[in-house]
PDB file of N, CA and C in Angstrom:
ATOM      1  N   MET A   1     139.857  61.877 119.931  1.00  0.00           N
ATOM      2  CA  MET A   1     139.089  62.836 119.517  1.00  0.00           C
ATOM      3  C   MET A   1     137.935  63.067 120.460  1.00  0.00           C
ATOM      4  N   SER A   2     137.463  64.296 120.536  1.00  0.00           N
ATOM      5  CA  SER A   2     136.535  64.586 121.451  1.00  0.00           C
ATOM      6  C   SER A   2     135.107  63.966 121.075  1.00  0.00           C
ATOM      7  N   GLY A   3     134.246  63.760 122.003  1.00  0.00           N
ATOM      8  CA  GLY A   3     132.925  63.281 121.794  1.00  0.00           C
ATOM      9  C   GLY A   3     132.182  64.153 121.096  1.00  0.00           C
ATOM     10  N   ASN A   4     132.280  65.621 121.294  1.00  0.00           N
ATOM     11  CA  ASN A   4     131.475  66.486 120.610  1.00  0.00           C
ATOM     12  C   ASN A   4     131.846  66.601 119.143  1.00  0.00           C
ATOM     13  N   LEU A   5     133.186  66.437 118.835  1.00  0.00           N
ATOM     14  CA  LEU A   5     133.505  66.430 117.480  1.00  0.00           C
ATOM     15  C   LEU A   5     133.001  65.301 116.694  1.00  0.00           C
ATOM     16  N   ILE A   6     133.061  64.040 117.298  1.00  0.00           N
ATOM     17  CA  ILE A   6     132.499  62.928 116.599  1.00  0.00           C
ATOM     18  C   ILE A   6     130.955  63.069 116.416  1.00  0.00           C
ATOM     19  N   LEU A   7     130.286  63.602 117.472  1.00  0.00           N
ATOM     20  CA  LEU A   7     128.889  63.824 117.203  1.00  0.00           C
ATOM     21  C   LEU A   7     128.557  64.875 116.156  1.00  0.00           C
ATOM     22  N   SER A   8     129.333  65.899 116.121  1.00  0.00           N
ATOM     23  CA  SER A   8     129.194  66.992 115.073  1.00  0.00           C
ATOM     24  C   SER A   8     129.508  66.301 113.643  1.00  0.00           C
ATOM     25  N   PHE A   9     130.368  65.455 113.555  1.00  0.00           N
ATOM     26  CA  PHE A   9     130.670  64.835 112.282  1.00  0.00           C
ATOM     27  C   PHE A   9     129.508  63.983 111.843  1.00  0.00           C
ATOM     28  N   TYR A  10     128.972  63.190 112.855  1.00  0.00           N
ATOM     29  CA  TYR A  10     127.742  62.366 112.422  1.00  0.00           C
ATOM     30  C   TYR A  10     126.518  63.264 112.033  1.00  0.00           C
ATOM     31  N   LEU A  11     126.424  64.340 112.750  1.00  0.00           N
ATOM     32  CA  LEU A  11     125.354  65.265 112.418  1.00  0.00           C
ATOM     33  C   LEU A  11     125.414  65.824 111.050  1.00  0.00           C
ATOM     34  N   TYR A  12     126.730  66.133 110.720  1.00  0.00           N
ATOM     35  CA  TYR A  12     126.959  66.723 109.427  1.00  0.00           C
ATOM     36  C   TYR A  12     126.677  65.654 108.265  1.00  0.00           C
ATOM     37  N   VAL A  13     127.130  64.381 108.467  1.00  0.00           N
ATOM     38  CA  VAL A  13     126.917  63.420 107.569  1.00  0.00           C
ATOM     39  C   VAL A  13     125.357  63.133 107.436  1.00  0.00           C
ATOM     40  N   PHE A  14     124.649  63.138 108.534  1.00  0.00           N
ATOM     41  CA  PHE A  14     123.223  62.875 108.512  1.00  0.00           C
ATOM     42  C   PHE A  14     122.506  64.030 107.698  1.00  0.00           C
ATOM     43  N   ILE A  15     122.894  65.242 107.907  1.00  0.00           N
ATOM     44  CA  ILE A  15     122.307  66.458 107.190  1.00  0.00           C
ATOM     45  C   ILE A  15     122.644  66.255 105.740  1.00  0.00           C
ATOM     46  N   VAL A  16     123.789  65.955 105.278  1.00  0.00           N
ATOM     47  CA  VAL A  16     124.110  65.822 103.928  1.00  0.00           C
ATOM     48  C   VAL A  16     123.295  64.798 103.219  1.00  0.00           C
ATOM     49  N   CYS A  17     123.291  63.552 103.957  1.00  0.00           N
ATOM     50  CA  CYS A  17     122.540  62.482 103.390  1.00  0.00           C
ATOM     51  C   CYS A  17     120.985  62.793 103.285  1.00  0.00           C
ATOM     52  N   SER A  18     120.412  63.607 104.319  1.00  0.00           N
ATOM     53  CA  SER A  18     119.172  63.951 104.278  1.00  0.00           C
ATOM     54  C   SER A  18     118.825  64.825 103.046  1.00  0.00           C
ATOM     55  N   LEU A  19     119.706  65.785 102.869  1.00  0.00           N
ATOM     56  CA  LEU A  19     119.511  66.728 101.682  1.00  0.00           C
ATOM     57  C   LEU A  19     119.562  66.012 100.393  1.00  0.00           C
ATOM     58  N   ILE A  20     120.512  65.041 100.249  1.00  0.00           N
ATOM     59  CA  ILE A  20     120.610  64.281  98.984  1.00  0.00           C
ATOM     60  C   ILE A  20     119.380  63.458  98.794  1.00  0.00           C
ATOM     61  N   GLY A  21     118.818  62.858  99.878  1.00  0.00           N
ATOM     62  CA  GLY A  21     117.660  62.131  99.843  1.00  0.00           C
ATOM     63  C   GLY A  21     116.294  62.843  99.471  1.00  0.00           C
ATOM     64  N   VAL A  22     116.287  64.119 100.030  1.00  0.00           N
ATOM     65  CA  VAL A  22     115.175  65.030  99.667  1.00  0.00           C
ATOM     66  C   VAL A  22     115.220  65.395  98.211  1.00  0.00           C
ATOM     67  N   PHE A  23     116.452  65.690  97.714  1.00  0.00           N
ATOM     68  CA  PHE A  23     116.466  66.080  96.291  1.00  0.00           C
ATOM     69  C   PHE A  23     116.042  64.851  95.407  1.00  0.00           C
ATOM     70  N   PHE A  24     116.526  63.719  95.669  1.00  0.00           N
ATOM     71  CA  PHE A  24     116.161  62.531  94.809  1.00  0.00           C
ATOM     72  C   PHE A  24     114.599  62.318  95.073  1.00  0.00           C
ATOM     73  N   LEU A  25     114.039  62.438  96.243  1.00  0.00           N
ATOM     74  CA  LEU A  25     112.636  62.195  96.469  1.00  0.00           C
ATOM     75  C   LEU A  25     111.797  63.224  95.712  1.00  0.00           C
ATOM     76  N   THR A  26     112.090  64.482  95.728  1.00  0.00           N
ATOM     77  CA  THR A  26     111.336  65.415  95.039  1.00  0.00           C
ATOM     78  C   THR A  26     111.479  65.264  93.498  1.00  0.00           C
ATOM     79  N   LYS A  27     112.625  64.721  92.993  1.00  0.00           N
ATOM     80  CA  LYS A  27     112.703  64.514  91.552  1.00  0.00           C
ATOM     81  C   LYS A  27     111.862  63.336  91.179  1.00  0.00           C
ATOM     82  N   LYS A  28     111.780  62.358  92.031  1.00  0.00           N
ATOM     83  CA  LYS A  28     110.983  61.112  91.822  1.00  0.00           C
ATOM     84  C   LYS A  28     109.501  61.329  91.976  1.00  0.00           C
ATOM     85  N   ILE A  29     109.104  62.059  92.935  1.00  0.00           N
ATOM     86  CA  ILE A  29     107.603  62.189  93.178  1.00  0.00           C
ATOM     87  C   ILE A  29     106.988  63.444  92.409  1.00  0.00           C
ATOM     88  N   GLY A  30     107.806  64.541  92.297  1.00  0.00           N
ATOM     89  CA  GLY A  30     107.293  65.758  91.717  1.00  0.00           C
ATOM     90  C   GLY A  30     106.916  65.550  90.192  1.00  0.00           C
ATOM     91  N   PRO A  31     106.009  66.484  89.793  1.00  0.00           N
ATOM     92  CA  PRO A  31     105.550  66.400  88.419  1.00  0.00           C
ATOM     93  C   PRO A  31     106.569  66.822  87.409  1.00  0.00           C
ATOM     94  N   SER A  32     106.599  66.126  86.225  1.00  0.00           N
ATOM     95  CA  SER A  32     107.628  66.371  85.271  1.00  0.00           C
ATOM     96  C   SER A  32     106.861  66.494  83.864  1.00  0.00           C
ATOM     97  N   ARG A  33     106.148  67.477  83.630  1.00  0.00           N
ATOM     98  CA  ARG A  33     105.437  67.663  82.404  1.00  0.00           C
ATOM     99  C   ARG A  33     106.295  68.461  81.468  1.00  0.00           C
ATOM    100  N   GLN A  34     106.750  67.827  80.325  1.00  0.00           N
ATOM    101  CA  GLN A  34     107.544  68.518  79.359  1.00  0.00           C
ATOM    102  C   GLN A  34     106.723  69.240  78.320  1.00  0.00           C
ATOM    103  N   ASN A  35     107.005  70.490  77.986  1.00  0.00           N
ATOM    104  CA  ASN A  35     106.290  71.040  76.801  1.00  0.00           C
ATOM    105  C   ASN A  35     107.356  72.148  76.297  1.00  0.00           C
ATOM    106  N   PRO A  36     107.074  72.676  75.121  1.00  0.00           N
ATOM    107  CA  PRO A  36     108.027  73.587  74.488  1.00  0.00           C
ATOM    108  C   PRO A  36     108.094  74.958  75.253  1.00  0.00           C
ATOM    109  N   ALA A  37     106.899  75.358  75.757  1.00  0.00           N
ATOM    110  CA  ALA A  37     107.023  76.777  76.535  1.00  0.00           C
ATOM    111  C   ALA A  37     107.845  76.612  77.763  1.00  0.00           C
ATOM    112  N   LYS A  38     107.798  75.441  78.523  1.00  0.00           N
ATOM    113  CA  LYS A  38     108.465  75.219  79.667  1.00  0.00           C
ATOM    114  C   LYS A  38     110.046  75.055  79.425  1.00  0.00           C
ATOM    115  N   ASN A  39     110.407  74.607  78.288  1.00  0.00           N
ATOM    116  CA  ASN A  39     111.722  74.382  77.942  1.00  0.00           C
ATOM    117  C   ASN A  39     112.435  75.490  77.377  1.00  0.00           C
ATOM    118  N   LYS A  40     111.834  76.608  77.256  1.00  0.00           N
ATOM    119  CA  LYS A  40     112.418  77.865  76.711  1.00  0.00           C
ATOM    120  C   LYS A  40     113.371  78.396  77.773  1.00  0.00           C
ATOM    121  N   THR A  41     114.321  79.236  77.273  1.00  0.00           N
ATOM    122  CA  THR A  41     115.359  79.845  78.182  1.00  0.00           C
ATOM    123  C   THR A  41     114.612  80.590  79.305  1.00  0.00           C
ATOM    124  N   TYR A  42     113.664  81.446  78.854  1.00  0.00           N
ATOM    125  CA  TYR A  42     112.970  82.273  79.883  1.00  0.00           C
ATOM    126  C   TYR A  42     111.592  81.859  80.029  1.00  0.00           C
ATOM    127  N   GLU A  43     111.399  81.062  81.070  1.00  0.00           N
ATOM    128  CA  GLU A  43     110.054  80.471  81.374  1.00  0.00           C
ATOM    129  C   GLU A  43     108.926  81.364  81.818  1.00  0.00           C
ATOM    130  N   SER A  44     109.330  82.643  82.188  1.00  0.00           N
ATOM    131  CA  SER A  44     108.273  83.558  82.725  1.00  0.00           C
ATOM    132  C   SER A  44     107.277  83.946  81.707  1.00  0.00           C
ATOM    133  N   GLY A  45     107.515  83.763  80.403  1.00  0.00           N
ATOM    134  CA  GLY A  45     106.598  84.134  79.387  1.00  0.00           C
ATOM    135  C   GLY A  45     106.709  85.545  78.949  1.00  0.00           C
ATOM    136  N   ILE A  46     107.596  86.318  79.501  1.00  0.00           N
ATOM    137  CA  ILE A  46     107.865  87.795  79.176  1.00  0.00           C
ATOM    138  C   ILE A  46     108.855  87.768  77.937  1.00  0.00           C
ATOM    139  N   VAL A  47     108.336  88.390  76.892  1.00  0.00           N
ATOM    140  CA  VAL A  47     109.210  88.479  75.696  1.00  0.00           C
ATOM    141  C   VAL A  47     110.278  89.585  76.098  1.00  0.00           C
ATOM    142  N   ASN A  48     111.391  89.544  75.474  1.00  0.00           N
ATOM    143  CA  ASN A  48     112.460  90.494  75.645  1.00  0.00           C
ATOM    144  C   ASN A  48     111.997  91.900  75.285  1.00  0.00           C
ATOM    145  N   PHE A  49     111.467  92.728  76.051  1.00  0.00           N
ATOM    146  CA  PHE A  49     110.975  93.980  75.704  1.00  0.00           C
ATOM    147  C   PHE A  49     111.939  95.064  75.539  1.00  0.00           C
ATOM    148  N   TYR A  50     113.275  94.789  75.895  1.00  0.00           N
ATOM    149  CA  TYR A  50     114.352  95.763  75.858  1.00  0.00           C
ATOM    150  C   TYR A  50     114.864  95.864  74.465  1.00  0.00           C
ATOM    151  N   GLY A  51     114.504  94.949  73.614  1.00  0.00           N
ATOM    152  CA  GLY A  51     115.053  94.929  72.287  1.00  0.00           C
ATOM    153  C   GLY A  51     115.853  93.667  72.025  1.00  0.00           C
ATOM    154  N   GLY A  52     116.756  93.725  71.111  1.00  0.00           N
ATOM    155  CA  GLY A  52     117.536  92.546  70.852  1.00  0.00           C
ATOM    156  C   GLY A  52     118.611  92.332  71.878  1.00  0.00           C
ATOM    157  N   ILE A  53     119.615  91.447  71.541  1.00  0.00           N
ATOM    158  CA  ILE A  53     120.682  91.122  72.446  1.00  0.00           C
ATOM    159  C   ILE A  53     121.549  92.366  72.618  1.00  0.00           C
ATOM    160  N   ASN A  54     121.800  93.187  71.702  1.00  0.00           N
ATOM    161  CA  ASN A  54     122.662  94.288  71.726  1.00  0.00           C
ATOM    162  C   ASN A  54     122.225  95.552  72.413  1.00  0.00           C
ATOM    163  N   SER A  55     120.926  95.576  72.760  1.00  0.00           N
ATOM    164  CA  SER A  55     120.257  96.696  73.359  1.00  0.00           C
ATOM    165  C   SER A  55     120.817  96.915  74.760  1.00  0.00           C
ATOM    166  N   SER A  56     120.850  98.149  75.263  1.00  0.00           N
ATOM    167  CA  SER A  56     121.285  98.311  76.561  1.00  0.00           C
ATOM    168  C   SER A  56     120.244  98.948  77.451  1.00  0.00           C
ATOM    169  N   ILE A  57     120.438  98.893  78.747  1.00  0.00           N
ATOM    170  CA  ILE A  57     119.518  99.310  79.797  1.00  0.00           C
ATOM    171  C   ILE A  57     120.249 100.549  80.355  1.00  0.00           C
ATOM    172  N   ASN A  58     119.409 101.531  80.742  1.00  0.00           N
ATOM    173  CA  ASN A  58     119.887 102.782  81.212  1.00  0.00           C
ATOM    174  C   ASN A  58     120.827 102.533  82.421  1.00  0.00           C
ATOM    175  N   VAL A  59     121.921 103.225  82.341  1.00  0.00           N
ATOM    176  CA  VAL A  59     122.980 103.054  83.457  1.00  0.00           C
ATOM    177  C   VAL A  59     122.482 103.563  84.870  1.00  0.00           C
ATOM    178  N   LYS A  60     121.563 104.480  84.790  1.00  0.00           N
ATOM    179  CA  LYS A  60     121.019 105.019  86.032  1.00  0.00           C
ATOM    180  C   LYS A  60     120.485 103.841  86.973  1.00  0.00           C
ATOM    181  N   TYR A  61     119.838 102.804  86.439  1.00  0.00           N
ATOM    182  CA  TYR A  61     119.456 101.764  87.291  1.00  0.00           C
ATOM    183  C   TYR A  61     120.541 101.164  88.058  1.00  0.00           C
ATOM    184  N   TYR A  62     121.712 100.890  87.395  1.00  0.00           N
ATOM    185  CA  TYR A  62     122.816 100.236  88.049  1.00  0.00           C
ATOM    186  C   TYR A  62     123.479 101.163  89.054  1.00  0.00           C
ATOM    187  N   LEU A  63     123.515 102.525  88.709  1.00  0.00           N
ATOM    188  CA  LEU A  63     124.117 103.444  89.711  1.00  0.00           C
ATOM    189  C   LEU A  63     123.260 103.540  91.038  1.00  0.00           C
ATOM    190  N   VAL A  64     121.931 103.563  90.822  1.00  0.00           N
ATOM    191  CA  VAL A  64     121.066 103.603  92.034  1.00  0.00           C
ATOM    192  C   VAL A  64     121.302 102.328  92.772  1.00  0.00           C
ATOM    193  N   ALA A  65     121.339 101.227  92.153  1.00  0.00           N
ATOM    194  CA  ALA A  65     121.575  99.909  92.887  1.00  0.00           C
ATOM    195  C   ALA A  65     122.907  99.959  93.628  1.00  0.00           C
ATOM    196  N   ILE A  66     123.917 100.364  92.966  1.00  0.00           N
ATOM    197  CA  ILE A  66     125.229 100.420  93.661  1.00  0.00           C
ATOM    198  C   ILE A  66     125.162 101.411  94.899  1.00  0.00           C
ATOM    199  N   VAL A  67     124.442 102.554  94.754  1.00  0.00           N
ATOM    200  CA  VAL A  67     124.425 103.536  95.830  1.00  0.00           C
ATOM    201  C   VAL A  67     123.661 102.769  97.024  1.00  0.00           C
ATOM    202  N   PHE A  68     122.498 102.141  96.643  1.00  0.00           N
ATOM    203  CA  PHE A  68     121.746 101.464  97.727  1.00  0.00           C
ATOM    204  C   PHE A  68     122.589 100.345  98.348  1.00  0.00           C
ATOM    205  N   VAL A  69     123.297  99.658  97.670  1.00  0.00           N
ATOM    206  CA  VAL A  69     124.214  98.623  98.386  1.00  0.00           C
ATOM    207  C   VAL A  69     125.201  99.243  99.289  1.00  0.00           C
ATOM    208  N   ILE A  70     125.924 100.448  98.875  1.00  0.00           N
ATOM    209  CA  ILE A  70     126.837 101.107  99.652  1.00  0.00           C
ATOM    210  C   ILE A  70     126.209 101.565 100.991  1.00  0.00           C
ATOM    211  N   PHE A  71     125.008 102.183 100.932  1.00  0.00           N
ATOM    212  CA  PHE A  71     124.404 102.672 102.178  1.00  0.00           C
ATOM    213  C   PHE A  71     123.682 101.659 102.907  1.00  0.00           C
ATOM    214  N   ASP A  72     123.332 100.485 102.318  1.00  0.00           N
ATOM    215  CA  ASP A  72     122.882  99.388 103.073  1.00  0.00           C
ATOM    216  C   ASP A  72     124.024  98.743 103.849  1.00  0.00           C
ATOM    217  N   ILE A  73     125.191  98.679 103.327  1.00  0.00           N
ATOM    218  CA  ILE A  73     126.341  98.166 103.936  1.00  0.00           C
ATOM    219  C   ILE A  73     126.684  99.028 105.205  1.00  0.00           C
ATOM    220  N   GLU A  74     126.532 100.358 104.991  1.00  0.00           N
ATOM    221  CA  GLU A  74     126.696 101.329 106.175  1.00  0.00           C
ATOM    222  C   GLU A  74     125.828 101.033 107.270  1.00  0.00           C
ATOM    223  N   ALA A  75     124.597 100.590 107.125  1.00  0.00           N
ATOM    224  CA  ALA A  75     123.642 100.231 108.163  1.00  0.00           C
ATOM    225  C   ALA A  75     124.072  98.969 108.775  1.00  0.00           C
ATOM    226  N   VAL A  76     124.713  98.008 108.030  1.00  0.00           N
ATOM    227  CA  VAL A  76     125.117  96.710 108.571  1.00  0.00           C
ATOM    228  C   VAL A  76     126.352  97.033 109.520  1.00  0.00           C
ATOM    229  N   PHE A  77     127.195  97.945 109.056  1.00  0.00           N
ATOM    230  CA  PHE A  77     128.283  98.221 110.030  1.00  0.00           C
ATOM    231  C   PHE A  77     127.913  99.009 111.201  1.00  0.00           C
ATOM    232  N   MET A  78     126.881  99.779 111.053  1.00  0.00           N
ATOM    233  CA  MET A  78     126.524 100.680 112.256  1.00  0.00           C
ATOM    234  C   MET A  78     125.748  99.898 113.402  1.00  0.00           C
ATOM    235  N   TYR A  79     125.095  98.820 113.048  1.00  0.00           N
ATOM    236  CA  TYR A  79     124.382  98.014 114.138  1.00  0.00           C
ATOM    237  C   TYR A  79     125.439  97.483 115.185  1.00  0.00           C
ATOM    238  N   PRO A  80     126.354  96.629 114.760  1.00  0.00           N
ATOM    239  CA  PRO A  80     127.409  96.111 115.763  1.00  0.00           C
ATOM    240  C   PRO A  80     128.114  97.261 116.543  1.00  0.00           C
ATOM    241  N   TRP A  81     128.345  98.401 115.859  1.00  0.00           N
ATOM    242  CA  TRP A  81     129.055  99.507 116.538  1.00  0.00           C
ATOM    243  C   TRP A  81     128.029 100.125 117.571  1.00  0.00           C
ATOM    244  N   ALA A  82     126.762 100.219 117.268  1.00  0.00           N
ATOM    245  CA  ALA A  82     125.878 100.797 118.340  1.00  0.00           C
ATOM    246  C   ALA A  82     125.705  99.816 119.476  1.00  0.00           C
ATOM    247  N   VAL A  83     125.746  98.592 119.239  1.00  0.00           N
ATOM    248  CA  VAL A  83     125.619  97.509 120.320  1.00  0.00           C
ATOM    249  C   VAL A  83     126.831  97.598 121.210  1.00  0.00           C
ATOM    250  N   SER A  84     127.960  97.705 120.647  1.00  0.00           N
ATOM    251  CA  SER A  84     129.150  97.609 121.440  1.00  0.00           C
ATOM    252  C   SER A  84     129.746  99.082 121.746  1.00  0.00           C
ATOM    253  N   LEU A  85     129.089 100.048 121.706  1.00  0.00           N
ATOM    254  CA  LEU A  85     129.561 101.426 121.915  1.00  0.00           C
ATOM    255  C   LEU A  85     130.170 101.650 123.302  1.00  0.00           C
ATOM    256  N   ARG A  86     129.621 101.108 124.274  1.00  0.00           N
ATOM    257  CA  ARG A  86     130.276 101.315 125.755  1.00  0.00           C
ATOM    258  C   ARG A  86     131.650 100.656 125.746  1.00  0.00           C
ATOM    259  N   GLU A  87     131.780  99.437 125.108  1.00  0.00           N
ATOM    260  CA  GLU A  87     133.060  98.854 125.270  1.00  0.00           C
ATOM    261  C   GLU A  87     134.107  99.452 124.368  1.00  0.00           C
ATOM    262  N   LEU A  88     133.759 100.211 123.207  1.00  0.00           N
ATOM    263  CA  LEU A  88     134.608 100.810 122.377  1.00  0.00           C
ATOM    264  C   LEU A  88     135.052 102.184 122.912  1.00  0.00           C
ATOM    265  N   GLY A  89     134.286 102.875 123.615  1.00  0.00           N
ATOM    266  CA  GLY A  89     134.656 104.067 124.278  1.00  0.00           C
ATOM    267  C   GLY A  89     134.734 105.179 123.265  1.00  0.00           C
ATOM    268  N   GLU A  90     135.648 106.264 123.666  1.00  0.00           N
ATOM    269  CA  GLU A  90     135.652 107.339 122.787  1.00  0.00           C
ATOM    270  C   GLU A  90     136.383 107.057 121.434  1.00  0.00           C
ATOM    271  N   TYR A  91     137.299 106.128 121.375  1.00  0.00           N
ATOM    272  CA  TYR A  91     137.919 105.717 120.222  1.00  0.00           C
ATOM    273  C   TYR A  91     136.934 105.238 119.149  1.00  0.00           C
ATOM    274  N   GLY A  92     136.059 104.332 119.617  1.00  0.00           N
ATOM    275  CA  GLY A  92     135.052 103.825 118.767  1.00  0.00           C
ATOM    276  C   GLY A  92     134.130 104.920 118.150  1.00  0.00           C
ATOM    277  N   LEU A  93     133.825 105.833 119.083  1.00  0.00           N
ATOM    278  CA  LEU A  93     132.893 106.962 118.566  1.00  0.00           C
ATOM    279  C   LEU A  93     133.633 107.811 117.593  1.00  0.00           C
ATOM    280  N   VAL A  94     134.911 108.088 117.738  1.00  0.00           N
ATOM    281  CA  VAL A  94     135.633 108.854 116.770  1.00  0.00           C
ATOM    282  C   VAL A  94     135.753 108.178 115.390  1.00  0.00           C
ATOM    283  N   VAL A  95     136.036 106.949 115.530  1.00  0.00           N
ATOM    284  CA  VAL A  95     136.161 106.060 114.304  1.00  0.00           C
ATOM    285  C   VAL A  95     134.798 105.999 113.538  1.00  0.00           C
ATOM    286  N   MET A  96     133.738 105.876 114.245  1.00  0.00           N
ATOM    287  CA  MET A  96     132.411 105.811 113.523  1.00  0.00           C
ATOM    288  C   MET A  96     132.176 107.223 112.953  1.00  0.00           C
ATOM    289  N   PHE A  97     132.487 108.229 113.609  1.00  0.00           N
ATOM    290  CA  PHE A  97     132.290 109.586 113.067  1.00  0.00           C
ATOM    291  C   PHE A  97     133.228 109.806 111.784  1.00  0.00           C
ATOM    292  N   VAL A  98     134.382 109.302 111.799  1.00  0.00           N
ATOM    293  CA  VAL A  98     135.242 109.276 110.579  1.00  0.00           C
ATOM    294  C   VAL A  98     134.502 108.539 109.434  1.00  0.00           C
ATOM    295  N   PHE A  99     134.062 107.360 109.735  1.00  0.00           N
ATOM    296  CA  PHE A  99     133.339 106.421 108.648  1.00  0.00           C
ATOM    297  C   PHE A  99     132.085 107.231 108.211  1.00  0.00           C
ATOM    298  N   MET A 100     131.410 107.814 109.123  1.00  0.00           N
ATOM    299  CA  MET A 100     130.170 108.582 108.731  1.00  0.00           C
ATOM    300  C   MET A 100     130.578 109.857 107.806  1.00  0.00           C
ATOM    301  N   ALA A 101     131.599 110.445 108.106  1.00  0.00           N
ATOM    302  CA  ALA A 101     132.114 111.594 107.360  1.00  0.00           C
ATOM    303  C   ALA A 101     132.482 111.178 105.983  1.00  0.00           C
ATOM    304  N   ILE A 102     133.164 110.003 105.755  1.00  0.00           N
ATOM    305  CA  ILE A 102     133.601 109.508 104.557  1.00  0.00           C
ATOM    306  C   ILE A 102     132.411 109.164 103.680  1.00  0.00           C
ATOM    307  N   LEU A 103     131.328 108.590 104.285  1.00  0.00           N
ATOM    308  CA  LEU A 103     130.168 108.333 103.546  1.00  0.00           C
ATOM    309  C   LEU A 103     129.348 109.592 103.211  1.00  0.00           C
ATOM    310  N   LEU A 104     129.466 110.598 104.086  1.00  0.00           N
ATOM    311  CA  LEU A 104     128.764 111.851 103.889  1.00  0.00           C
ATOM    312  C   LEU A 104     129.456 112.528 102.684  1.00  0.00           C
ATOM    313  N   VAL A 105     130.773 112.466 102.586  1.00  0.00           N
ATOM    314  CA  VAL A 105     131.480 113.065 101.458  1.00  0.00           C
ATOM    315  C   VAL A 105     131.022 112.391 100.150  1.00  0.00           C
ATOM    316  N   GLY A 106     130.953 110.999 100.183  1.00  0.00           N
ATOM    317  CA  GLY A 106     130.374 110.319  99.070  1.00  0.00           C
ATOM    318  C   GLY A 106     128.975 110.709  98.654  1.00  0.00           C
ATOM    319  N   LEU A 107     128.099 110.892  99.636  1.00  0.00           N
ATOM    320  CA  LEU A 107     126.804 111.325  99.401  1.00  0.00           C
ATOM    321  C   LEU A 107     126.728 112.705  98.698  1.00  0.00           C
ATOM    322  N   PHE A 108     127.493 113.648  99.226  1.00  0.00           N
ATOM    323  CA  PHE A 108     127.555 114.922  98.585  1.00  0.00           C
ATOM    324  C   PHE A 108     128.110 114.874  97.067  1.00  0.00           C
ATOM    325  N   TYR A 109     129.144 113.975  96.888  1.00  0.00           N
ATOM    326  CA  TYR A 109     129.560 113.704  95.496  1.00  0.00           C
ATOM    327  C   TYR A 109     128.497 113.203  94.701  1.00  0.00           C
ATOM    328  N   ILE A 110     127.765 112.206  95.212  1.00  0.00           N
ATOM    329  CA  ILE A 110     126.701 111.647  94.423  1.00  0.00           C
ATOM    330  C   ILE A 110     125.585 112.746  94.081  1.00  0.00           C
ATOM    331  N   TYR A 111     125.319 113.544  95.103  1.00  0.00           N
ATOM    332  CA  TYR A 111     124.316 114.660  94.853  1.00  0.00           C
ATOM    333  C   TYR A 111     124.912 115.634  93.761  1.00  0.00           C
ATOM    334  N   LYS A 112     126.168 115.870  93.947  1.00  0.00           N
ATOM    335  CA  LYS A 112     126.650 116.903  92.900  1.00  0.00           C
ATOM    336  C   LYS A 112     126.728 116.392  91.547  1.00  0.00           C
ATOM    337  N   LYS A 113     126.930 115.081  91.362  1.00  0.00           N
ATOM    338  CA  LYS A 113     126.913 114.399  90.045  1.00  0.00           C
ATOM    339  C   LYS A 113     125.571 114.215  89.497  1.00  0.00           C
ATOM    340  N   LYS A 114     124.512 114.349  90.400  1.00  0.00           N
ATOM    341  CA  LYS A 114     123.165 114.218  90.067  1.00  0.00           C
ATOM    342  C   LYS A 114     122.803 112.824  89.652  1.00  0.00           C
ATOM    343  N   ILE A 115     123.419 111.851  90.309  1.00  0.00           N
ATOM    344  CA  ILE A 115     123.130 110.439  90.132  1.00  0.00           C
ATOM    345  C   ILE A 115     121.690 110.107  90.432  1.00  0.00           C
ATOM    346  N   LEU A 116     121.236 110.741  91.571  1.00  0.00           N
ATOM    347  CA  LEU A 116     119.946 110.225  92.054  1.00  0.00           C
ATOM    348  C   LEU A 116     118.799 111.069  91.399  1.00  0.00           C
ATOM    349  N   ARG A 117     119.049 111.924  90.618  1.00  0.00           N
ATOM    350  CA  ARG A 117     117.997 112.773  89.867  1.00  0.00           C
ATOM    351  C   ARG A 117     117.541 112.092  88.549  1.00  0.00           C
ATOM    352  N   TRP A 118     116.249 111.909  88.530  1.00  0.00           N
ATOM    353  CA  TRP A 118     115.665 111.254  87.325  1.00  0.00           C
ATOM    354  C   TRP A 118     115.217 112.414  86.453  1.00  0.00           C
ATOM    355  N   GLU A 119     115.440 112.217  85.104  1.00  0.00           N
ATOM    356  CA  GLU A 119     115.113 113.278  84.117  1.00  0.00           C
ATOM    357  C   GLU A 119     114.110 112.670  83.078  1.00  0.00           C
TER     358      GLU A 119
END
């Protein structure tokens, strides 16, 4: 085996042992005051203001979150493309325009369905 591989293995074992040691150390040293309020399911102190278990939240919140994730992922894909545009050439440019066109069609669909409009 190579020397770098053995060194990496020892480093990995050291990091795992260090993490386990830190977890046990914080459990031992840290405060542990038990009280009924702390042991509740929701420790934040906020009472369920949406109603009971069967109450629902408006779907618009979920739709806006999904749209945000989709367009956030678009930005994640565009950055490496912009960095390596010279190596990709015209083919990379055309492929990114197709990708952007598909997302633009999706944006027009979202606009037509009035998902982003709050009433």
